Amino acid sequence: GRPLVAVLVSNAAYAWMIGAVFSTLIPLFGTESVGLSLGAV
């Protein structure tokens, strides 16, 4: 039902954010656009 779907989608969205933003975009954006070193990222 809608409550279970909402829970599952919320968990998927949170994991998506971890994989897409923290693990992928922030490291790449930090080094390539912001100009930070790997250590700073």
PDB file of all heavy atoms in Angstrom:
ATOM      1  N   GLY A   1       0.857  -1.171   0.000  1.00  0.00           N
ATOM      2  CA  GLY A   1       0.000   0.000   0.000  1.00  0.00           C
ATOM      3  C   GLY A   1       0.896   1.225   0.000  1.00  0.00           C
ATOM      4  O   GLY A   1       2.128   1.124  -0.029  1.00  0.00           O
ATOM      5  N   ARG A   2       0.283   2.376   0.059  1.00  0.00           N
ATOM      6  CA  ARG A   2       1.066   3.604  -0.039  1.00  0.00           C
ATOM      7  C   ARG A   2       2.085   3.766   1.091  1.00  0.00           C
ATOM      8  O   ARG A   2       3.212   4.192   0.842  1.00  0.00           O
ATOM      9  CB  ARG A   2       0.141   4.815  -0.103  1.00  0.00           C
ATOM     10  CG  ARG A   2       0.876   6.095  -0.514  1.00  0.00           C
ATOM     11  CD  ARG A   2      -0.072   7.241  -0.725  1.00  0.00           C
ATOM     12  NE  ARG A   2      -0.971   6.983  -1.829  1.00  0.00           N
ATOM     13  CZ  ARG A   2      -1.963   7.780  -2.182  1.00  0.00           C
ATOM     14  NH1 ARG A   2      -2.194   8.882  -1.481  1.00  0.00           N
ATOM     15  NH2 ARG A   2      -2.730   7.483  -3.204  1.00  0.00           N
ATOM     16  N   PRO A   3       1.760   3.409   2.353  1.00  0.00           N
ATOM     17  CA  PRO A   3       2.779   3.549   3.405  1.00  0.00           C
ATOM     18  C   PRO A   3       4.029   2.719   3.141  1.00  0.00           C
ATOM     19  O   PRO A   3       5.150   3.223   3.296  1.00  0.00           O
ATOM     20  CB  PRO A   3       2.036   3.082   4.666  1.00  0.00           C
ATOM     21  CG  PRO A   3       0.605   3.371   4.388  1.00  0.00           C
ATOM     22  CD  PRO A   3       0.436   3.085   2.930  1.00  0.00           C
ATOM     23  N   LEU A   4       3.855   1.454   2.724  1.00  0.00           N
ATOM     24  CA  LEU A   4       5.031   0.621   2.458  1.00  0.00           C
ATOM     25  C   LEU A   4       5.813   1.147   1.267  1.00  0.00           C
ATOM     26  O   LEU A   4       7.052   1.196   1.288  1.00  0.00           O
ATOM     27  CB  LEU A   4       4.602  -0.827   2.214  1.00  0.00           C
ATOM     28  CG  LEU A   4       5.741  -1.818   1.913  1.00  0.00           C
ATOM     29  CD1 LEU A   4       6.763  -1.843   3.043  1.00  0.00           C
ATOM     30  CD2 LEU A   4       5.197  -3.219   1.659  1.00  0.00           C
ATOM     31  N   VAL A   5       5.099   1.565   0.221  1.00  0.00           N
ATOM     32  CA  VAL A   5       5.782   2.134  -0.949  1.00  0.00           C
ATOM     33  C   VAL A   5       6.556   3.388  -0.557  1.00  0.00           C
ATOM     34  O   VAL A   5       7.697   3.594  -0.993  1.00  0.00           O
ATOM     35  CB  VAL A   5       4.771   2.435  -2.069  1.00  0.00           C
ATOM     36  CG1 VAL A   5       5.441   3.191  -3.214  1.00  0.00           C
ATOM     37  CG2 VAL A   5       4.160   1.141  -2.593  1.00  0.00           C
ATOM     38  N   ALA A   6       5.963   4.222   0.286  1.00  0.00           N
ATOM     39  CA  ALA A   6       6.646   5.444   0.730  1.00  0.00           C
ATOM     40  C   ALA A   6       7.919   5.116   1.499  1.00  0.00           C
ATOM     41  O   ALA A   6       8.957   5.771   1.318  1.00  0.00           O
ATOM     42  CB  ALA A   6       5.705   6.285   1.596  1.00  0.00           C
ATOM     43  N   VAL A   7       7.860   4.099   2.353  1.00  0.00           N
ATOM     44  CA  VAL A   7       9.047   3.690   3.115  1.00  0.00           C
ATOM     45  C   VAL A   7      10.132   3.185   2.169  1.00  0.00           C
ATOM     46  O   VAL A   7      11.310   3.560   2.284  1.00  0.00           O
ATOM     47  CB  VAL A   7       8.676   2.603   4.135  1.00  0.00           C
ATOM     48  CG1 VAL A   7       9.935   2.020   4.763  1.00  0.00           C
ATOM     49  CG2 VAL A   7       7.773   3.168   5.219  1.00  0.00           C
ATOM     50  N   LEU A   8       9.760   2.326   1.231  1.00  0.00           N
ATOM     51  CA  LEU A   8      10.742   1.746   0.321  1.00  0.00           C
ATOM     52  C   LEU A   8      11.375   2.811  -0.576  1.00  0.00           C
ATOM     53  O   LEU A   8      12.597   2.826  -0.781  1.00  0.00           O
ATOM     54  CB  LEU A   8      10.091   0.656  -0.535  1.00  0.00           C
ATOM     55  CG  LEU A   8       9.557  -0.572   0.227  1.00  0.00           C
ATOM     56  CD1 LEU A   8       8.916  -1.552  -0.746  1.00  0.00           C
ATOM     57  CD2 LEU A   8      10.666  -1.252   1.005  1.00  0.00           C
ATOM     58  N   VAL A   9      10.554   3.708  -1.099  1.00  0.00           N
ATOM     59  CA  VAL A   9      11.084   4.760  -1.971  1.00  0.00           C
ATOM     60  C   VAL A   9      11.977   5.711  -1.172  1.00  0.00           C
ATOM     61  O   VAL A   9      13.008   6.174  -1.675  1.00  0.00           O
ATOM     62  CB  VAL A   9       9.936   5.522  -2.662  1.00  0.00           C
ATOM     63  CG1 VAL A   9      10.467   6.727  -3.424  1.00  0.00           C
ATOM     64  CG2 VAL A   9       9.197   4.588  -3.623  1.00  0.00           C
ATOM     65  N   SER A  10      11.621   5.984   0.079  1.00  0.00           N
ATOM     66  CA  SER A  10      12.461   6.844   0.920  1.00  0.00           C
ATOM     67  C   SER A  10      13.822   6.217   1.145  1.00  0.00           C
ATOM     68  O   SER A  10      14.859   6.897   1.085  1.00  0.00           O
ATOM     69  CB  SER A  10      11.774   7.097   2.269  1.00  0.00           C
ATOM     70  OG  SER A  10      10.577   7.807   2.103  1.00  0.00           O
ATOM     71  N   ASN A  11      13.852   4.913   1.386  1.00  0.00           N
ATOM     72  CA  ASN A  11      15.124   4.228   1.577  1.00  0.00           C
ATOM     73  C   ASN A  11      15.938   4.212   0.289  1.00  0.00           C
ATOM     74  O   ASN A  11      17.156   4.428   0.297  1.00  0.00           O
ATOM     75  CB  ASN A  11      14.881   2.798   2.057  1.00  0.00           C
ATOM     76  CG  ASN A  11      16.158   2.100   2.484  1.00  0.00           C
ATOM     77  OD1 ASN A  11      16.987   2.669   3.186  1.00  0.00           O
ATOM     78  ND2 ASN A  11      16.337   0.866   2.046  1.00  0.00           N
ATOM     79  N   ALA A  12      15.274   3.962  -0.842  1.00  0.00           N
ATOM     80  CA  ALA A  12      15.968   3.975  -2.129  1.00  0.00           C
ATOM     81  C   ALA A  12      16.524   5.361  -2.440  1.00  0.00           C
ATOM     82  O   ALA A  12      17.647   5.503  -2.944  1.00  0.00           O
ATOM     83  CB  ALA A  12      15.026   3.522  -3.239  1.00  0.00           C
ATOM     84  N   ALA A  13      15.736   6.411  -2.140  1.00  0.00           N
ATOM     85  CA  ALA A  13      16.187   7.781  -2.403  1.00  0.00           C
ATOM     86  C   ALA A  13      17.392   8.135  -1.540  1.00  0.00           C
ATOM     87  O   ALA A  13      18.334   8.797  -2.006  1.00  0.00           O
ATOM     88  CB  ALA A  13      15.049   8.758  -2.147  1.00  0.00           C
ATOM     89  N   TYR A  14      17.370   7.694  -0.288  1.00  0.00           N
ATOM     90  CA  TYR A  14      18.503   7.971   0.596  1.00  0.00           C
ATOM     91  C   TYR A  14      19.762   7.260   0.100  1.00  0.00           C
ATOM     92  O   TYR A  14      20.846   7.865   0.037  1.00  0.00           O
ATOM     93  CB  TYR A  14      18.168   7.524   2.017  1.00  0.00           C
ATOM     94  CG  TYR A  14      19.283   7.771   3.003  1.00  0.00           C
ATOM     95  CD1 TYR A  14      19.519   9.044   3.492  1.00  0.00           C
ATOM     96  CD2 TYR A  14      20.111   6.740   3.420  1.00  0.00           C
ATOM     97  CE1 TYR A  14      20.549   9.294   4.390  1.00  0.00           C
ATOM     98  CE2 TYR A  14      21.139   6.975   4.313  1.00  0.00           C
ATOM     99  CZ  TYR A  14      21.354   8.246   4.795  1.00  0.00           C
ATOM    100  OH  TYR A  14      22.382   8.477   5.669  1.00  0.00           O
ATOM    101  N   ALA A  15      19.638   5.992  -0.277  1.00  0.00           N
ATOM    102  CA  ALA A  15      20.793   5.255  -0.796  1.00  0.00           C
ATOM    103  C   ALA A  15      21.270   5.840  -2.128  1.00  0.00           C
ATOM    104  O   ALA A  15      22.472   5.880  -2.401  1.00  0.00           O
ATOM    105  CB  ALA A  15      20.434   3.778  -0.963  1.00  0.00           C
ATOM    106  N   TRP A  16      20.342   6.291  -2.951  1.00  0.00           N
ATOM    107  CA  TRP A  16      20.688   6.951  -4.222  1.00  0.00           C
ATOM    108  C   TRP A  16      21.542   8.186  -3.939  1.00  0.00           C
ATOM    109  O   TRP A  16      22.560   8.423  -4.588  1.00  0.00           O
ATOM    110  CB  TRP A  16      19.412   7.339  -4.951  1.00  0.00           C
ATOM    111  CG  TRP A  16      19.604   7.979  -6.300  1.00  0.00           C
ATOM    112  CD1 TRP A  16      20.169   9.192  -6.567  1.00  0.00           C
ATOM    113  CD2 TRP A  16      19.235   7.429  -7.571  1.00  0.00           C
ATOM    114  NE1 TRP A  16      20.165   9.451  -7.911  1.00  0.00           N
ATOM    115  CE2 TRP A  16      19.600   8.381  -8.558  1.00  0.00           C
ATOM    116  CE3 TRP A  16      18.621   6.251  -7.969  1.00  0.00           C
ATOM    117  CZ2 TRP A  16      19.358   8.170  -9.913  1.00  0.00           C
ATOM    118  CZ3 TRP A  16      18.385   6.040  -9.320  1.00  0.00           C
ATOM    119  CH2 TRP A  16      18.753   6.992 -10.272  1.00  0.00           C
ATOM    120  N   MET A  17      21.122   8.959  -2.950  1.00  0.00           N
ATOM    121  CA  MET A  17      21.867  10.164  -2.595  1.00  0.00           C
ATOM    122  C   MET A  17      23.286   9.816  -2.130  1.00  0.00           C
ATOM    123  O   MET A  17      24.255  10.471  -2.514  1.00  0.00           O
ATOM    124  CB  MET A  17      21.106  10.928  -1.506  1.00  0.00           C
ATOM    125  CG  MET A  17      21.751  12.224  -1.049  1.00  0.00           C
ATOM    126  SD  MET A  17      22.913  11.987   0.328  1.00  0.00           S
ATOM    127  CE  MET A  17      21.869  11.254   1.555  1.00  0.00           C
ATOM    128  N   ILE A  18      23.416   8.773  -1.311  1.00  0.00           N
ATOM    129  CA  ILE A  18      24.741   8.366  -0.843  1.00  0.00           C
ATOM    130  C   ILE A  18      25.631   7.974  -2.016  1.00  0.00           C
ATOM    131  O   ILE A  18      26.791   8.394  -2.119  1.00  0.00           O
ATOM    132  CB  ILE A  18      24.626   7.186   0.145  1.00  0.00           C
ATOM    133  CG1 ILE A  18      23.865   7.608   1.414  1.00  0.00           C
ATOM    134  CG2 ILE A  18      26.010   6.651   0.502  1.00  0.00           C
ATOM    135  CD1 ILE A  18      24.574   8.634   2.244  1.00  0.00           C
ATOM    136  N   GLY A  19      25.079   7.152  -2.920  1.00  0.00           N
ATOM    137  CA  GLY A  19      25.881   6.685  -4.054  1.00  0.00           C
ATOM    138  C   GLY A  19      26.148   7.766  -5.083  1.00  0.00           C
ATOM    139  O   GLY A  19      27.271   7.908  -5.577  1.00  0.00           O
ATOM    140  N   ALA A  20      25.115   8.543  -5.430  1.00  0.00           N
ATOM    141  CA  ALA A  20      25.248   9.531  -6.497  1.00  0.00           C
ATOM    142  C   ALA A  20      25.974  10.788  -6.038  1.00  0.00           C
ATOM    143  O   ALA A  20      26.865  11.293  -6.745  1.00  0.00           O
ATOM    144  CB  ALA A  20      23.857   9.907  -7.027  1.00  0.00           C
ATOM    145  N   VAL A  21      25.611  11.304  -4.866  1.00  0.00           N
ATOM    146  CA  VAL A  21      26.142  12.595  -4.428  1.00  0.00           C
ATOM    147  C   VAL A  21      27.430  12.435  -3.632  1.00  0.00           C
ATOM    148  O   VAL A  21      28.477  12.968  -3.989  1.00  0.00           O
ATOM    149  CB  VAL A  21      25.082  13.358  -3.603  1.00  0.00           C
ATOM    150  CG1 VAL A  21      25.649  14.694  -3.118  1.00  0.00           C
ATOM    151  CG2 VAL A  21      23.834  13.595  -4.448  1.00  0.00           C
ATOM    152  N   PHE A  22      27.388  11.677  -2.533  1.00  0.00           N
ATOM    153  CA  PHE A  22      28.562  11.569  -1.666  1.00  0.00           C
ATOM    154  C   PHE A  22      29.693  10.768  -2.305  1.00  0.00           C
ATOM    155  O   PHE A  22      30.865  11.121  -2.180  1.00  0.00           O
ATOM    156  CB  PHE A  22      28.182  10.924  -0.335  1.00  0.00           C
ATOM    157  CG  PHE A  22      27.365  11.812   0.554  1.00  0.00           C
ATOM    158  CD1 PHE A  22      26.715  11.306   1.659  1.00  0.00           C
ATOM    159  CD2 PHE A  22      27.218  13.166   0.280  1.00  0.00           C
ATOM    160  CE1 PHE A  22      25.944  12.119   2.488  1.00  0.00           C
ATOM    161  CE2 PHE A  22      26.458  13.984   1.092  1.00  0.00           C
ATOM    162  CZ  PHE A  22      25.825  13.462   2.191  1.00  0.00           C
ATOM    163  N   SER A  23      29.335   9.653  -2.986  1.00  0.00           N
ATOM    164  CA  SER A  23      30.375   8.774  -3.520  1.00  0.00           C
ATOM    165  C   SER A  23      30.849   9.169  -4.912  1.00  0.00           C
ATOM    166  O   SER A  23      31.925   8.754  -5.327  1.00  0.00           O
ATOM    167  CB  SER A  23      29.864   7.322  -3.546  1.00  0.00           C
ATOM    168  OG  SER A  23      29.546   6.870  -2.260  1.00  0.00           O
ATOM    169  N   THR A  24      30.051   9.934  -5.648  1.00  0.00           N
ATOM    170  CA  THR A  24      30.385  10.218  -7.053  1.00  0.00           C
ATOM    171  C   THR A  24      30.537  11.711  -7.333  1.00  0.00           C
ATOM    172  O   THR A  24      31.620  12.187  -7.714  1.00  0.00           O
ATOM    173  CB  THR A  24      29.314   9.616  -7.977  1.00  0.00           C
ATOM    174  OG1 THR A  24      29.145   8.227  -7.679  1.00  0.00           O
ATOM    175  CG2 THR A  24      29.723   9.775  -9.445  1.00  0.00           C
ATOM    176  N   LEU A  25      29.456  12.474  -7.153  1.00  0.00           N
ATOM    177  CA  LEU A  25      29.488  13.866  -7.585  1.00  0.00           C
ATOM    178  C   LEU A  25      30.399  14.742  -6.731  1.00  0.00           C
ATOM    179  O   LEU A  25      31.167  15.563  -7.274  1.00  0.00           O
ATOM    180  CB  LEU A  25      28.070  14.448  -7.581  1.00  0.00           C
ATOM    181  CG  LEU A  25      27.145  13.975  -8.708  1.00  0.00           C
ATOM    182  CD1 LEU A  25      25.755  14.577  -8.546  1.00  0.00           C
ATOM    183  CD2 LEU A  25      27.724  14.345 -10.076  1.00  0.00           C
ATOM    184  N   ILE A  26      30.328  14.619  -5.424  1.00  0.00           N
ATOM    185  CA  ILE A  26      31.146  15.485  -4.573  1.00  0.00           C
ATOM    186  C   ILE A  26      32.638  15.282  -4.818  1.00  0.00           C
ATOM    187  O   ILE A  26      33.380  16.263  -4.964  1.00  0.00           O
ATOM    188  CB  ILE A  26      30.763  15.291  -3.089  1.00  0.00           C
ATOM    189  CG1 ILE A  26      29.436  15.990  -2.809  1.00  0.00           C
ATOM    190  CG2 ILE A  26      31.849  15.829  -2.160  1.00  0.00           C
ATOM    191  CD1 ILE A  26      28.929  15.855  -1.392  1.00  0.00           C
ATOM    192  N   PRO A  27      33.151  14.033  -4.884  1.00  0.00           N
ATOM    193  CA  PRO A  27      34.581  13.884  -5.194  1.00  0.00           C
ATOM    194  C   PRO A  27      34.976  14.460  -6.558  1.00  0.00           C
ATOM    195  O   PRO A  27      36.012  15.137  -6.681  1.00  0.00           O
ATOM    196  CB  PRO A  27      34.794  12.361  -5.151  1.00  0.00           C
ATOM    197  CG  PRO A  27      33.722  11.865  -4.244  1.00  0.00           C
ATOM    198  CD  PRO A  27      32.541  12.737  -4.523  1.00  0.00           C
ATOM    199  N   LEU A  28      34.144  14.207  -7.582  1.00  0.00           N
ATOM    200  CA  LEU A  28      34.483  14.706  -8.915  1.00  0.00           C
ATOM    201  C   LEU A  28      34.350  16.222  -8.998  1.00  0.00           C
ATOM    202  O   LEU A  28      35.230  16.919  -9.524  1.00  0.00           O
ATOM    203  CB  LEU A  28      33.572  14.045  -9.958  1.00  0.00           C
ATOM    204  CG  LEU A  28      33.785  12.548 -10.202  1.00  0.00           C
ATOM    205  CD1 LEU A  28      32.700  12.003 -11.123  1.00  0.00           C
ATOM    206  CD2 LEU A  28      35.167  12.287 -10.782  1.00  0.00           C
ATOM    207  N   PHE A  29      33.262  16.759  -8.505  1.00  0.00           N
ATOM    208  CA  PHE A  29      33.023  18.190  -8.531  1.00  0.00           C
ATOM    209  C   PHE A  29      34.081  18.935  -7.716  1.00  0.00           C
ATOM    210  O   PHE A  29      34.570  20.005  -8.120  1.00  0.00           O
ATOM    211  CB  PHE A  29      31.621  18.472  -7.979  1.00  0.00           C
ATOM    212  CG  PHE A  29      31.236  19.926  -7.963  1.00  0.00           C
ATOM    213  CD1 PHE A  29      31.058  20.636  -9.137  1.00  0.00           C
ATOM    214  CD2 PHE A  29      31.017  20.579  -6.757  1.00  0.00           C
ATOM    215  CE1 PHE A  29      30.682  21.977  -9.111  1.00  0.00           C
ATOM    216  CE2 PHE A  29      30.652  21.917  -6.717  1.00  0.00           C
ATOM    217  CZ  PHE A  29      30.475  22.623  -7.909  1.00  0.00           C
ATOM    218  N   GLY A  30      34.441  18.371  -6.572  1.00  0.00           N
ATOM    219  CA  GLY A  30      35.426  19.023  -5.708  1.00  0.00           C
ATOM    220  C   GLY A  30      36.786  19.156  -6.351  1.00  0.00           C
ATOM    221  O   GLY A  30      37.454  20.188  -6.208  1.00  0.00           O
ATOM    222  N   THR A  31      37.210  18.130  -7.080  1.00  0.00           N
ATOM    223  CA  THR A  31      38.536  18.184  -7.709  1.00  0.00           C
ATOM    224  C   THR A  31      38.517  18.919  -9.046  1.00  0.00           C
ATOM    225  O   THR A  31      39.410  19.712  -9.335  1.00  0.00           O
ATOM    226  CB  THR A  31      39.083  16.757  -7.918  1.00  0.00           C
ATOM    227  OG1 THR A  31      38.123  15.979  -8.661  1.00  0.00           O
ATOM    228  CG2 THR A  31      39.355  16.085  -6.586  1.00  0.00           C
ATOM    229  N   GLU A  32      37.481  18.696  -9.864  1.00  0.00           N
ATOM    230  CA  GLU A  32      37.477  19.209 -11.229  1.00  0.00           C
ATOM    231  C   GLU A  32      36.920  20.627 -11.347  1.00  0.00           C
ATOM    232  O   GLU A  32      37.367  21.393 -12.212  1.00  0.00           O
ATOM    233  CB  GLU A  32      36.692  18.260 -12.135  1.00  0.00           C
ATOM    234  CG  GLU A  32      37.346  16.880 -12.251  1.00  0.00           C
ATOM    235  CD  GLU A  32      36.574  15.962 -13.167  1.00  0.00           C
ATOM    236  OE1 GLU A  32      35.564  16.402 -13.764  1.00  0.00           O
ATOM    237  OE2 GLU A  32      36.969  14.781 -13.303  1.00  0.00           O
ATOM    238  N   SER A  33      35.962  20.990 -10.534  1.00  0.00           N
ATOM    239  CA  SER A  33      35.346  22.320 -10.649  1.00  0.00           C
ATOM    240  C   SER A  33      35.757  23.274  -9.531  1.00  0.00           C
ATOM    241  O   SER A  33      35.982  24.457  -9.761  1.00  0.00           O
ATOM    242  CB  SER A  33      33.815  22.199 -10.668  1.00  0.00           C
ATOM    243  OG  SER A  33      33.376  21.574 -11.849  1.00  0.00           O
ATOM    244  N   VAL A  34      35.836  22.743  -8.304  1.00  0.00           N
ATOM    245  CA  VAL A  34      36.210  23.602  -7.176  1.00  0.00           C
ATOM    246  C   VAL A  34      37.725  23.758  -7.095  1.00  0.00           C
ATOM    247  O   VAL A  34      38.231  24.758  -6.581  1.00  0.00           O
ATOM    248  CB  VAL A  34      35.639  23.023  -5.863  1.00  0.00           C
ATOM    249  CG1 VAL A  34      35.953  23.933  -4.678  1.00  0.00           C
ATOM    250  CG2 VAL A  34      34.135  22.833  -5.977  1.00  0.00           C
ATOM    251  N   GLY A  35      38.476  22.774  -7.615  1.00  0.00           N
ATOM    252  CA  GLY A  35      39.935  22.852  -7.624  1.00  0.00           C
ATOM    253  C   GLY A  35      40.590  22.368  -6.340  1.00  0.00           C
ATOM    254  O   GLY A  35      41.730  22.734  -6.046  1.00  0.00           O
ATOM    255  N   LEU A  36      39.914  21.529  -5.581  1.00  0.00           N
ATOM    256  CA  LEU A  36      40.486  21.004  -4.343  1.00  0.00           C
ATOM    257  C   LEU A  36      41.354  19.782  -4.629  1.00  0.00           C
ATOM    258  O   LEU A  36      41.178  19.092  -5.631  1.00  0.00           O
ATOM    259  CB  LEU A  36      39.370  20.618  -3.370  1.00  0.00           C
ATOM    260  CG  LEU A  36      38.459  21.752  -2.872  1.00  0.00           C
ATOM    261  CD1 LEU A  36      37.355  21.178  -2.011  1.00  0.00           C
ATOM    262  CD2 LEU A  36      39.265  22.779  -2.089  1.00  0.00           C
ATOM    263  N   SER A  37      42.284  19.522  -3.731  1.00  0.00           N
ATOM    264  CA  SER A  37      43.089  18.309  -3.831  1.00  0.00           C
ATOM    265  C   SER A  37      42.264  17.118  -3.359  1.00  0.00           C
ATOM    266  O   SER A  37      41.203  17.270  -2.725  1.00  0.00           O
ATOM    267  CB  SER A  37      44.334  18.431  -2.954  1.00  0.00           C
ATOM    268  OG  SER A  37      43.967  18.494  -1.583  1.00  0.00           O
ATOM    269  N   LEU A  38      42.763  15.919  -3.655  1.00  0.00           N
ATOM    270  CA  LEU A  38      42.072  14.722  -3.189  1.00  0.00           C
ATOM    271  C   LEU A  38      41.993  14.691  -1.666  1.00  0.00           C
ATOM    272  O   LEU A  38      40.995  14.253  -1.090  1.00  0.00           O
ATOM    273  CB  LEU A  38      42.789  13.471  -3.715  1.00  0.00           C
ATOM    274  CG  LEU A  38      42.644  13.193  -5.218  1.00  0.00           C
ATOM    275  CD1 LEU A  38      43.503  12.005  -5.610  1.00  0.00           C
ATOM    276  CD2 LEU A  38      41.182  12.924  -5.574  1.00  0.00           C
ATOM    277  N   GLY A  39      43.051  15.169  -1.029  1.00  0.00           N
ATOM    278  CA  GLY A  39      43.048  15.206   0.432  1.00  0.00           C
ATOM    279  C   GLY A  39      41.982  16.135   0.974  1.00  0.00           C
ATOM    280  O   GLY A  39      41.310  15.830   1.962  1.00  0.00           O
ATOM    281  N   ALA A  40      41.798  17.289   0.321  1.00  0.00           N
ATOM    282  CA  ALA A  40      40.778  18.241   0.760  1.00  0.00           C
ATOM    283  C   ALA A  40      39.374  17.686   0.543  1.00  0.00           C
ATOM    284  O   ALA A  40      38.481  17.886   1.372  1.00  0.00           O
ATOM    285  CB  ALA A  40      40.941  19.567   0.025  1.00  0.00           C
ATOM    286  N   VAL A  41      39.177  16.977  -0.575  1.00  0.00           N
ATOM    287  CA  VAL A  41      37.874  16.350  -0.820  1.00  0.00           C
ATOM    288  C   VAL A  41      37.610  15.275   0.230  1.00  0.00           C
ATOM    289  O   VAL A  41      36.490  15.146   0.741  1.00  0.00           O
ATOM    290  CB  VAL A  41      37.817  15.767  -2.237  1.00  0.00           C
ATOM    291  CG1 VAL A  41      36.565  14.919  -2.412  1.00  0.00           C
ATOM    292  CG2 VAL A  41      37.843  16.877  -3.274  1.00  0.00           C
TER     293      VAL A  41
END
